[in-house]
Amino acid sequence: MIGMKTLIVRKPFFYKGHAYIPGETIQCDDQEMIEAWERAGSVRAPDEQPQPKKLKARKASAEAGIPVEGEAEENLVGKVPKTETRKRK
């Protein structure tokens, strides 16, 4: 028997009547459960560096339109008109 092992929770889970949340510490001596949590990525050792958060990117694209030579400030051929109802929220 190895004894009690202290771990830091990465993902929320429920164990022995207690809901553990990320950042909380847990002490456990059940080696089977410790191995299962580590395989699932639910816990980490206190000396291990936390994983960086994944950044979510927003989609971006160029406005549709056909380039036209002329004296207008903006090429409007083929573009959807910008109105109040079409603005993103």
Protein backbone atom coordinates (compact mmCIF):
# COMPACT_ATOMS: atom_id res chain seq x y z
CA MET A 1 0.00 0.00 0.00
CA ILE A 2 1.39 3.37 -1.03
CA GLY A 3 -0.49 5.64 1.37
CA MET A 4 -2.23 8.96 0.92
CA LYS A 5 -1.47 10.91 -2.23
CA THR A 6 -2.32 14.60 -2.64
CA LEU A 7 -3.56 15.70 -6.07
CA ILE A 8 -4.98 18.88 -7.60
CA VAL A 9 -8.29 18.65 -9.45
CA ARG A 10 -8.32 19.71 -13.14
CA LYS A 11 -11.87 18.68 -14.13
CA PRO A 12 -14.92 18.52 -11.83
CA PHE A 13 -15.94 15.10 -10.50
CA PHE A 14 -17.87 13.50 -7.64
CA TYR A 15 -16.11 11.12 -5.23
CA LYS A 16 -17.27 9.70 -1.88
CA GLY A 17 -20.11 12.19 -1.43
CA HIS A 18 -18.12 15.29 -2.32
CA ALA A 19 -18.11 17.29 -5.56
CA TYR A 20 -14.55 18.38 -6.38
CA ILE A 21 -14.00 21.45 -8.56
CA PRO A 22 -10.89 22.52 -10.52
CA GLY A 23 -8.12 23.91 -8.32
CA GLU A 24 -9.25 22.00 -5.23
CA THR A 25 -6.90 19.45 -3.60
CA ILE A 26 -7.87 15.87 -2.90
CA GLN A 27 -6.14 13.28 -0.74
CA CYS A 28 -6.74 9.68 -1.74
CA ASP A 29 -5.21 6.28 -1.02
CA ASP A 30 -7.22 4.31 -3.62
CA GLN A 31 -4.57 3.61 -6.29
CA GLU A 32 -7.16 2.40 -8.82
CA MET A 33 -9.07 5.69 -8.64
CA ILE A 34 -5.87 7.76 -8.82
CA GLU A 35 -4.81 5.93 -12.01
CA ALA A 36 -8.30 6.37 -13.53
CA TRP A 37 -8.31 10.13 -12.78
CA GLU A 38 -4.82 10.54 -14.23
CA ARG A 39 -5.80 8.67 -17.43
CA ALA A 40 -8.87 10.90 -17.79
CA GLY A 41 -6.85 14.07 -17.09
CA SER A 42 -9.04 14.92 -14.08
CA VAL A 43 -6.17 15.45 -11.62
CA ARG A 44 -2.52 16.48 -11.61
CA ALA A 45 0.35 16.21 -9.16
CA PRO A 46 0.98 19.36 -7.07
CA ASP A 47 4.47 19.84 -8.59
CA GLU A 48 3.19 19.47 -12.19
CA GLN A 49 2.57 22.67 -14.19
CA PRO A 50 -1.09 23.35 -15.05
CA GLN A 51 -2.06 23.04 -18.72
CA PRO A 52 -2.53 26.37 -20.51
CA LYS A 53 -6.10 27.24 -21.47
CA LYS A 54 -7.00 26.76 -25.11
CA LEU A 55 -7.87 29.98 -26.88
CA LYS A 56 -10.96 30.14 -29.02
CA ALA A 57 -10.62 32.05 -32.28
CA ARG A 58 -13.37 33.98 -33.96
CA LYS A 59 -13.96 33.41 -37.66
CA ALA A 60 -12.99 36.30 -39.86
CA SER A 61 -13.17 36.77 -43.59
CA ALA A 62 -12.96 39.55 -46.11
CA GLU A 63 -16.14 41.26 -47.24
CA ALA A 64 -17.47 40.03 -50.55
CA GLY A 65 -17.41 42.45 -53.45
CA ILE A 66 -16.11 43.02 -56.93
CA PRO A 67 -13.31 45.57 -57.31
CA VAL A 68 -14.53 48.45 -59.48
CA GLU A 69 -12.57 51.38 -60.78
CA GLY A 70 -14.16 54.71 -60.09
CA GLU A 71 -14.32 57.64 -57.74
CA ALA A 72 -16.47 56.05 -55.02
CA GLU A 73 -14.85 55.69 -51.59
CA GLU A 74 -16.03 52.12 -51.25
CA ASN A 75 -16.59 49.41 -53.87
CA LEU A 76 -20.23 48.46 -53.39
CA VAL A 77 -20.75 46.07 -56.29
CA GLY A 78 -21.77 42.63 -55.00
CA LYS A 79 -21.87 43.62 -51.30
CA VAL A 80 -24.80 43.15 -48.98
CA PRO A 81 -26.01 46.55 -47.71
CA LYS A 82 -25.02 47.40 -44.13
CA THR A 83 -28.25 48.15 -42.27
CA GLU A 84 -29.23 48.14 -38.57
CA THR A 85 -31.05 44.81 -38.89
CA ARG A 86 -28.02 43.10 -40.46
CA LYS A 87 -25.51 44.16 -37.79
CA ARG A 88 -24.05 41.40 -35.62
CA LYS A 89 -25.11 41.33 -32.02
